[in-house]
Amino acid sequence: MGNRKQPFGYKMALGEIVIQEAEAKLVQEIFRRYIAGESLNELTEALRQQDIPYDEGRLWNKNMIARILADTRYTGEKGYPKLIDEEQLIAANEKRSNKP
C-alpha cells in the first residue's frame, strides 16, 4: 500500500511541490463534476470504472473525494500551486453543507 505524502494532484520534485499533471486534471474534473451535480458516490463509481488509482493499491472511495473537495491547498494555499479557483472550492463546500 502506498503512502501519499502530498495531496492528490501534487508531487515533490527536487525539494519543491509541483503539479502532477494527470492527477491535477482529475482534481479539476472532480470539482467541475461535483459542482455540476454529481454525487460523491457517482464520482467514486466513475473513477473506479475508469480504473484510475488514488494511490498504489488503493481504490477510490467517497471519503477520498470529500477530502479533495474540502482541501484549501488546491486554491494555492500553503505554498501549493493553484489547481482551482477559490470560487470552485466555495461552491463545492456550499453544496456539501446544503446536503439534506
Protein backbone atom coordinates (compact mmCIF):
# COMPACT_ATOMS: atom_id res chain seq x y z
CA MET A 1 0.00 0.00 0.00
CA GLY A 2 1.31 3.43 -0.92
CA ASN A 3 1.86 6.28 1.46
CA ARG A 4 0.85 9.53 -0.19
CA LYS A 5 2.98 12.39 1.10
CA GLN A 6 1.36 15.15 -0.95
CA PRO A 7 -2.30 15.76 -1.75
CA PHE A 8 -3.60 14.07 -4.88
CA GLY A 9 -2.53 16.26 -7.81
CA TYR A 10 0.91 17.16 -6.46
CA LYS A 11 4.32 15.58 -6.09
CA MET A 12 7.74 16.54 -4.80
CA ALA A 13 10.43 17.26 -7.37
CA LEU A 14 13.87 18.48 -6.36
CA GLY A 15 12.53 19.52 -2.97
CA GLU A 16 9.62 21.55 -4.36
CA ILE A 17 5.91 20.85 -4.52
CA VAL A 18 4.91 20.65 -8.18
CA ILE A 19 1.78 19.75 -10.10
CA GLN A 20 1.36 16.13 -11.18
CA GLU A 21 -0.44 16.89 -14.45
CA ALA A 22 -2.61 13.78 -14.89
CA GLU A 23 -3.76 13.87 -11.28
CA ALA A 24 -4.27 17.66 -11.37
CA LYS A 25 -6.61 17.33 -14.35
CA LEU A 26 -8.58 14.76 -12.40
CA VAL A 27 -8.83 17.07 -9.37
CA GLN A 28 -10.20 19.80 -11.63
CA GLU A 29 -12.65 17.33 -13.18
CA ILE A 30 -13.83 16.20 -9.72
CA PHE A 31 -14.60 19.79 -8.73
CA ARG A 32 -16.31 20.54 -12.04
CA ARG A 33 -18.49 17.43 -11.97
CA TYR A 34 -19.40 17.75 -8.30
CA ILE A 35 -20.41 21.40 -8.67
CA ALA A 36 -22.44 20.41 -11.77
CA GLY A 37 -24.47 17.99 -9.68
CA GLU A 38 -22.78 14.60 -9.47
CA SER A 39 -22.77 12.99 -6.04
CA LEU A 40 -19.76 11.64 -4.17
CA ASN A 41 -20.98 8.12 -4.86
CA GLU A 42 -21.40 8.81 -8.59
CA LEU A 43 -17.90 10.28 -8.79
CA THR A 44 -16.45 7.33 -6.87
CA GLU A 45 -18.07 4.84 -9.21
CA ALA A 46 -16.94 6.76 -12.31
CA LEU A 47 -13.32 6.84 -11.10
CA ARG A 48 -13.37 3.15 -10.28
CA GLN A 49 -14.81 2.31 -13.72
CA GLN A 50 -12.05 4.34 -15.38
CA ASP A 51 -9.53 2.29 -13.39
CA ILE A 52 -7.80 5.41 -12.11
CA PRO A 53 -5.96 4.64 -8.86
CA TYR A 54 -5.96 7.09 -5.97
CA ASP A 55 -2.67 5.70 -4.78
CA GLU A 56 -0.85 2.46 -5.35
CA GLY A 57 -3.16 -0.37 -4.37
CA ARG A 58 -5.99 1.89 -3.20
CA LEU A 59 -9.37 2.23 -4.84
CA TRP A 60 -11.32 5.47 -4.70
CA ASN A 61 -13.98 5.95 -2.06
CA LYS A 62 -16.29 8.86 -1.33
CA ASN A 63 -14.19 9.98 1.66
CA MET A 64 -11.16 10.49 -0.59
CA ILE A 65 -13.25 12.65 -2.92
CA ALA A 66 -14.73 14.57 0.02
CA ARG A 67 -11.21 15.35 1.27
CA ILE A 68 -10.23 16.67 -2.16
CA LEU A 69 -13.34 18.87 -2.29
CA ALA A 70 -12.53 20.34 1.14
CA ASP A 71 -8.78 20.86 0.68
CA THR A 72 -7.87 24.56 0.52
CA ARG A 73 -4.39 23.76 -0.81
CA TYR A 74 -5.92 23.32 -4.28
CA THR A 75 -6.58 27.09 -4.34
CA GLY A 76 -2.87 27.82 -3.91
CA GLU A 77 -2.72 27.99 -0.12
CA LYS A 78 0.26 26.92 1.99
CA GLY A 79 2.71 27.16 -0.89
CA TYR A 80 0.91 24.74 -3.19
CA PRO A 81 0.49 25.54 -6.89
CA LYS A 82 -3.07 26.58 -7.71
CA LEU A 83 -5.29 23.96 -9.37
CA ILE A 84 -8.74 25.51 -8.88
CA ASP A 85 -10.27 28.92 -8.24
CA GLU A 86 -11.39 29.83 -4.74
CA GLU A 87 -14.92 30.17 -6.15
CA GLN A 88 -14.88 26.48 -7.09
CA LEU A 89 -13.85 25.49 -3.57
CA ILE A 90 -16.58 27.67 -2.10
CA ALA A 91 -19.21 26.26 -4.48
CA ALA A 92 -18.23 22.68 -3.68
CA ASN A 93 -18.29 23.29 0.06
CA GLU A 94 -21.61 25.12 -0.10
CA LYS A 95 -23.09 22.16 -1.96
CA ARG A 96 -21.72 19.77 0.66
CA SER A 97 -23.05 21.84 3.56
CA ASN A 98 -26.51 22.09 1.95
CA LYS A 99 -26.95 18.33 1.63
CA PRO A 100 -30.09 17.04 3.34
